[in-house]
Protein backbone atom coordinates (compact mmCIF):
# COMPACT_ATOMS: atom_id res chain seq x y z
CA MET A 1 14.77 7.74 -6.25
CA PHE A 2 11.10 8.26 -7.13
CA PRO A 3 9.60 11.37 -8.71
CA PHE A 4 6.84 11.45 -6.08
CA ASP A 5 6.51 11.71 -2.30
CA ILE A 6 6.02 8.21 -0.86
CA SER A 7 5.15 9.60 2.59
CA GLU A 8 1.97 11.19 1.16
CA ILE A 9 0.88 7.86 -0.32
CA ASN A 10 1.70 6.08 2.95
CA SER A 11 -0.49 8.56 4.84
CA GLN A 12 -3.44 7.92 2.52
CA ILE A 13 -3.11 4.14 2.85
CA TRP A 14 -2.64 4.24 6.63
CA LYS A 15 -5.75 6.40 6.97
CA LYS A 16 -7.85 3.98 4.90
CA TYR A 17 -6.29 0.82 6.42
CA PRO A 18 -5.33 1.65 10.04
CA TYR A 19 -4.10 -1.89 10.75
CA LEU A 20 -1.23 -1.16 8.33
CA ASN A 21 -0.14 1.88 10.34
CA ASP A 22 3.65 2.34 10.12
CA VAL A 23 4.09 -0.49 7.57
CA SER A 24 6.55 0.52 4.87
CA PRO A 25 5.74 -0.70 1.37
CA GLU A 26 7.84 -2.79 -0.97
CA ILE A 27 8.22 -0.64 -4.09
CA SER A 28 8.82 -1.78 -7.65
CA ASN A 29 8.79 0.06 -10.95
CA LEU A 30 6.57 -1.32 -13.70
CA PRO A 31 7.41 -1.25 -17.44
CA ASP A 32 4.62 1.24 -18.21
CA GLY A 33 6.24 3.93 -16.02
CA THR A 34 4.01 3.39 -13.00
CA SER A 35 5.08 2.02 -9.62
CA LYS A 36 3.63 -0.77 -7.49
CA LEU A 37 3.64 -0.44 -3.71
CA VAL A 38 2.85 -3.54 -1.66
CA PHE A 39 1.88 -3.10 1.99
CA LYS A 40 1.92 -6.37 3.97
CA GLY A 41 0.37 -6.59 7.39
CA PHE A 42 -2.08 -8.40 9.62
CA ALA A 43 -5.67 -7.71 10.66
CA ASN A 44 -7.43 -9.12 13.71
CA THR A 45 -10.86 -10.65 13.27
CA ALA A 46 -13.76 -10.32 15.70
CA ASN A 47 -13.11 -13.80 17.09
CA GLY A 48 -9.42 -13.10 17.76
CA HIS A 49 -7.80 -14.70 14.74
CA THR A 50 -5.10 -12.93 12.77
CA LEU A 51 -5.32 -12.64 8.98
CA PRO A 52 -2.40 -11.73 6.74
CA ILE A 53 -3.39 -8.95 4.35
CA SER A 54 -1.61 -7.37 1.39
CA ILE A 55 -2.65 -4.03 -0.08
CA ILE A 56 -1.31 -3.38 -3.57
CA VAL A 57 -1.25 0.23 -4.73
CA LYS A 58 -0.51 1.27 -8.32
CA VAL A 59 0.81 4.83 -8.57
CA ASP A 60 1.49 6.98 -11.63
CA GLN A 61 4.68 9.01 -12.16
CA GLU A 62 3.24 12.04 -10.36
CA GLY A 63 2.34 10.02 -7.25
CA LYS A 64 -1.39 9.81 -7.91
CA ILE A 65 -3.00 6.55 -6.81
CA ILE A 66 -4.43 4.78 -9.85
CA GLN A 67 -5.65 1.55 -8.27
CA ILE A 68 -5.84 -0.13 -4.86
CA SER A 69 -6.42 -3.85 -4.50
CA SER A 70 -6.23 -6.18 -1.54
CA SER A 71 -5.66 -9.86 -0.92
CA ARG A 72 -6.33 -11.95 2.13
């Protein structure tokens, strides 16, 4: 399906954002040949509230992470 190993990218994201551990990304191909992976999860704050968080990862055709951005 994709010319790169998604499990390797998942491992890198899970290591950097442990609250997204075991979250599978939504994957879409972009017109420029890159792919966008969107990880959606929740993070707990110090005072016990839960925040929804999305991590968006842009990946080139070889599976190299080009850009990581987050939204809260």
